[in-house]
N, C-alpha and C. Protein backbone atom coordinates (compact mmCIF):
# COMPACT_ATOMS: atom_id res chain seq x y z
N MET A 1 -10.24 -128.63 55.67
CA MET A 1 -11.48 -128.47 54.92
C MET A 1 -11.22 -128.73 53.44
N GLU A 2 -12.09 -129.50 52.84
CA GLU A 2 -11.93 -129.84 51.43
C GLU A 2 -12.21 -128.64 50.55
N GLU A 3 -11.49 -128.59 49.48
CA GLU A 3 -11.72 -127.55 48.49
C GLU A 3 -12.79 -128.01 47.50
N ARG A 4 -13.50 -127.07 46.95
CA ARG A 4 -14.54 -127.40 45.97
C ARG A 4 -13.96 -128.19 44.81
N ALA A 5 -12.74 -127.86 44.41
CA ALA A 5 -12.11 -128.56 43.29
C ALA A 5 -11.96 -130.05 43.58
N GLU A 6 -11.65 -130.39 44.83
CA GLU A 6 -11.53 -131.81 45.21
C GLU A 6 -12.87 -132.51 45.10
N VAL A 7 -13.91 -131.84 45.57
CA VAL A 7 -15.26 -132.41 45.52
C VAL A 7 -15.68 -132.60 44.07
N LEU A 8 -15.48 -131.57 43.27
CA LEU A 8 -15.84 -131.65 41.85
C LEU A 8 -15.07 -132.76 41.15
N ALA A 9 -13.78 -132.88 41.43
CA ALA A 9 -12.97 -133.94 40.82
C ALA A 9 -13.49 -135.31 41.19
N ALA A 10 -13.90 -135.49 42.44
CA ALA A 10 -14.44 -136.78 42.89
C ALA A 10 -15.75 -137.10 42.17
N ILE A 11 -16.59 -136.08 42.00
CA ILE A 11 -17.87 -136.27 41.30
C ILE A 11 -17.61 -136.65 39.84
N ILE A 12 -16.76 -135.88 39.18
CA ILE A 12 -16.47 -136.14 37.77
C ILE A 12 -15.87 -137.54 37.59
N LYS A 13 -14.92 -137.89 38.44
CA LYS A 13 -14.27 -139.21 38.33
C LYS A 13 -15.29 -140.34 38.44
N LYS A 14 -16.18 -140.25 39.43
CA LYS A 14 -17.17 -141.31 39.64
C LYS A 14 -18.19 -141.36 38.51
N VAL A 15 -18.68 -140.21 38.09
CA VAL A 15 -19.69 -140.18 37.03
C VAL A 15 -19.08 -140.67 35.71
N GLU A 16 -17.86 -140.26 35.42
CA GLU A 16 -17.21 -140.73 34.19
C GLU A 16 -17.07 -142.26 34.21
N ALA A 17 -16.70 -142.80 35.35
CA ALA A 17 -16.54 -144.26 35.46
C ALA A 17 -17.89 -144.97 35.32
N MET A 18 -18.91 -144.46 35.97
CA MET A 18 -20.23 -145.09 35.93
C MET A 18 -20.86 -145.03 34.54
N MET A 19 -20.70 -143.89 33.88
CA MET A 19 -21.37 -143.66 32.61
C MET A 19 -20.49 -143.99 31.40
N ASN A 20 -19.26 -144.43 31.68
CA ASN A 20 -18.30 -144.72 30.61
C ASN A 20 -18.16 -143.52 29.68
N GLU A 21 -17.99 -142.35 30.29
CA GLU A 21 -17.86 -141.09 29.56
C GLU A 21 -16.49 -140.50 29.89
N SER A 22 -16.09 -139.52 29.13
CA SER A 22 -14.87 -138.79 29.46
C SER A 22 -15.08 -137.32 29.08
N GLY A 23 -14.24 -136.47 29.65
CA GLY A 23 -14.31 -135.05 29.33
C GLY A 23 -15.46 -134.31 29.97
N LEU A 24 -16.01 -134.85 31.06
CA LEU A 24 -17.09 -134.16 31.74
C LEU A 24 -16.54 -132.94 32.47
N THR A 25 -17.36 -131.91 32.61
CA THR A 25 -16.96 -130.68 33.28
C THR A 25 -18.03 -130.32 34.31
N GLU A 26 -17.78 -129.24 35.04
CA GLU A 26 -18.76 -128.81 36.03
C GLU A 26 -20.06 -128.36 35.37
N ASP A 27 -20.02 -128.05 34.09
CA ASP A 27 -21.23 -127.61 33.38
C ASP A 27 -22.02 -128.78 32.80
N THR A 28 -21.50 -130.00 32.92
CA THR A 28 -22.21 -131.17 32.40
C THR A 28 -23.51 -131.35 33.19
N ALA A 29 -24.61 -131.46 32.45
CA ALA A 29 -25.92 -131.64 33.08
C ALA A 29 -26.24 -133.12 33.22
N TYR A 30 -26.84 -133.46 34.35
CA TYR A 30 -27.26 -134.85 34.55
C TYR A 30 -28.27 -135.27 33.49
N ALA A 31 -29.06 -134.31 32.99
CA ALA A 31 -30.05 -134.61 31.96
C ALA A 31 -29.40 -135.11 30.67
N ASP A 32 -28.12 -134.78 30.48
CA ASP A 32 -27.41 -135.21 29.27
C ASP A 32 -26.75 -136.58 29.45
N LEU A 33 -26.88 -137.14 30.63
CA LEU A 33 -26.28 -138.44 30.93
C LEU A 33 -27.39 -139.44 31.24
N PRO A 34 -27.13 -140.72 31.01
CA PRO A 34 -28.15 -141.73 31.31
C PRO A 34 -28.16 -142.12 32.79
N MET A 35 -28.18 -141.12 33.68
CA MET A 35 -28.15 -141.38 35.13
C MET A 35 -29.49 -141.91 35.61
N LYS A 36 -29.43 -142.99 36.38
CA LYS A 36 -30.62 -143.56 37.01
C LYS A 36 -30.47 -143.38 38.52
N SER A 37 -31.53 -143.67 39.24
CA SER A 37 -31.52 -143.52 40.70
C SER A 37 -30.38 -144.29 41.34
N VAL A 38 -30.13 -145.49 40.85
CA VAL A 38 -29.04 -146.29 41.41
C VAL A 38 -27.68 -145.61 41.22
N ASN A 39 -27.51 -144.90 40.12
CA ASN A 39 -26.27 -144.17 39.87
C ASN A 39 -26.11 -143.01 40.84
N PHE A 40 -27.21 -142.30 41.09
CA PHE A 40 -27.16 -141.21 42.07
C PHE A 40 -26.83 -141.76 43.45
N SER A 41 -27.43 -142.88 43.80
CA SER A 41 -27.15 -143.50 45.11
C SER A 41 -25.68 -143.89 45.23
N ALA A 42 -25.14 -144.49 44.19
CA ALA A 42 -23.73 -144.88 44.20
C ALA A 42 -22.82 -143.66 44.31
N LEU A 43 -23.15 -142.60 43.59
CA LEU A 43 -22.36 -141.37 43.64
C LEU A 43 -22.40 -140.78 45.05
N ILE A 44 -23.57 -140.73 45.63
CA ILE A 44 -23.72 -140.19 46.98
C ILE A 44 -22.92 -141.02 47.97
N ASN A 45 -22.98 -142.34 47.85
CA ASN A 45 -22.21 -143.21 48.75
C ASN A 45 -20.72 -142.92 48.67
N VAL A 46 -20.20 -142.75 47.48
CA VAL A 46 -18.78 -142.44 47.30
C VAL A 46 -18.44 -141.11 47.96
N LEU A 47 -19.27 -140.11 47.73
CA LEU A 47 -19.01 -138.79 48.30
C LEU A 47 -19.11 -138.80 49.82
N GLU A 48 -20.09 -139.53 50.35
CA GLU A 48 -20.22 -139.63 51.80
C GLU A 48 -19.00 -140.28 52.42
N ASP A 49 -18.52 -141.35 51.79
CA ASP A 49 -17.33 -142.04 52.30
C ASP A 49 -16.08 -141.17 52.20
N GLU A 50 -15.92 -140.53 51.05
CA GLU A 50 -14.70 -139.77 50.81
C GLU A 50 -14.60 -138.50 51.66
N PHE A 51 -15.75 -137.85 51.89
CA PHE A 51 -15.72 -136.58 52.60
C PHE A 51 -16.35 -136.64 53.99
N ASP A 52 -16.72 -137.84 54.43
CA ASP A 52 -17.24 -138.07 55.78
C ASP A 52 -18.41 -137.14 56.11
N VAL A 53 -19.42 -137.16 55.24
CA VAL A 53 -20.63 -136.35 55.43
C VAL A 53 -21.85 -137.22 55.13
N GLU A 54 -23.02 -136.73 55.54
CA GLU A 54 -24.28 -137.37 55.15
C GLU A 54 -24.97 -136.46 54.15
N ILE A 55 -25.30 -137.03 52.99
CA ILE A 55 -25.90 -136.25 51.91
C ILE A 55 -27.34 -136.69 51.70
N ASN A 56 -28.25 -135.74 51.73
CA ASN A 56 -29.66 -136.02 51.51
C ASN A 56 -29.88 -136.34 50.02
N TYR A 57 -30.37 -137.56 49.76
CA TYR A 57 -30.55 -138.02 48.38
C TYR A 57 -31.46 -137.08 47.59
N MET A 58 -32.63 -136.75 48.15
CA MET A 58 -33.60 -135.94 47.40
C MET A 58 -33.07 -134.54 47.11
N GLU A 59 -32.37 -133.96 48.06
CA GLU A 59 -31.79 -132.63 47.83
C GLU A 59 -30.67 -132.69 46.80
N PHE A 60 -29.82 -133.71 46.90
CA PHE A 60 -28.72 -133.87 45.95
C PHE A 60 -29.26 -134.05 44.54
N LYS A 61 -30.30 -134.85 44.41
CA LYS A 61 -30.85 -135.16 43.09
C LYS A 61 -31.47 -133.93 42.42
N LYS A 62 -31.76 -132.88 43.18
CA LYS A 62 -32.30 -131.64 42.61
C LYS A 62 -31.24 -130.83 41.87
N THR A 63 -29.96 -131.15 42.10
CA THR A 63 -28.91 -130.41 41.40
C THR A 63 -28.92 -130.80 39.93
N ALA A 64 -28.71 -129.83 39.07
CA ALA A 64 -28.84 -130.07 37.63
C ALA A 64 -27.52 -130.41 36.96
N THR A 65 -26.42 -129.89 37.51
CA THR A 65 -25.11 -130.10 36.87
C THR A 65 -24.12 -130.66 37.88
N LEU A 66 -23.00 -131.13 37.39
CA LEU A 66 -21.96 -131.64 38.27
C LEU A 66 -21.43 -130.52 39.17
N GLY A 67 -21.33 -129.33 38.63
CA GLY A 67 -20.88 -128.18 39.42
C GLY A 67 -21.85 -127.83 40.54
N GLU A 68 -23.15 -127.89 40.25
CA GLU A 68 -24.15 -127.63 41.29
C GLU A 68 -24.05 -128.69 42.39
N SER A 69 -23.77 -129.92 42.00
CA SER A 69 -23.59 -131.00 42.98
C SER A 69 -22.39 -130.71 43.88
N ALA A 70 -21.31 -130.23 43.28
CA ALA A 70 -20.12 -129.89 44.07
C ALA A 70 -20.44 -128.77 45.05
N ASP A 71 -21.18 -127.77 44.61
CA ASP A 71 -21.58 -126.68 45.49
C ASP A 71 -22.45 -127.20 46.64
N PHE A 72 -23.36 -128.10 46.33
CA PHE A 72 -24.24 -128.67 47.34
C PHE A 72 -23.43 -129.45 48.39
N VAL A 73 -22.50 -130.27 47.92
CA VAL A 73 -21.67 -131.05 48.84
C VAL A 73 -20.82 -130.12 49.69
N MET A 74 -20.31 -129.05 49.13
CA MET A 74 -19.53 -128.08 49.91
C MET A 74 -20.39 -127.46 51.01
N GLU A 75 -21.64 -127.16 50.71
CA GLU A 75 -22.55 -126.63 51.73
C GLU A 75 -22.72 -127.63 52.87
N VAL A 76 -22.85 -128.91 52.54
CA VAL A 76 -23.00 -129.95 53.55
C VAL A 76 -21.71 -130.05 54.39
N ILE A 77 -20.56 -130.03 53.74
CA ILE A 77 -19.28 -130.12 54.44
C ILE A 77 -19.11 -128.96 55.40
N GLU A 78 -19.45 -127.77 54.92
CA GLU A 78 -19.26 -126.56 55.72
C GLU A 78 -20.32 -126.39 56.80
N GLY A 79 -21.41 -127.18 56.69
CA GLY A 79 -22.46 -127.14 57.70
C GLY A 79 -23.30 -125.94 57.59
């Protein structure tokens, strides 16, 4: 079973690469980043591939911070 830290690290790594940012943390809010729908889709695709889960786009997009996203993905992994 994946640890939350692994999920969070994967989210931060992908978002930093997409947004050309660095130093993001679990408290980083999506509202503070120029995230568009296509970016959320790409992030979800990476997470689905890496953790072998199906993530609901609309539910995922309701998360406000990177940490909340990690918690959401952990809920999906744990079923």
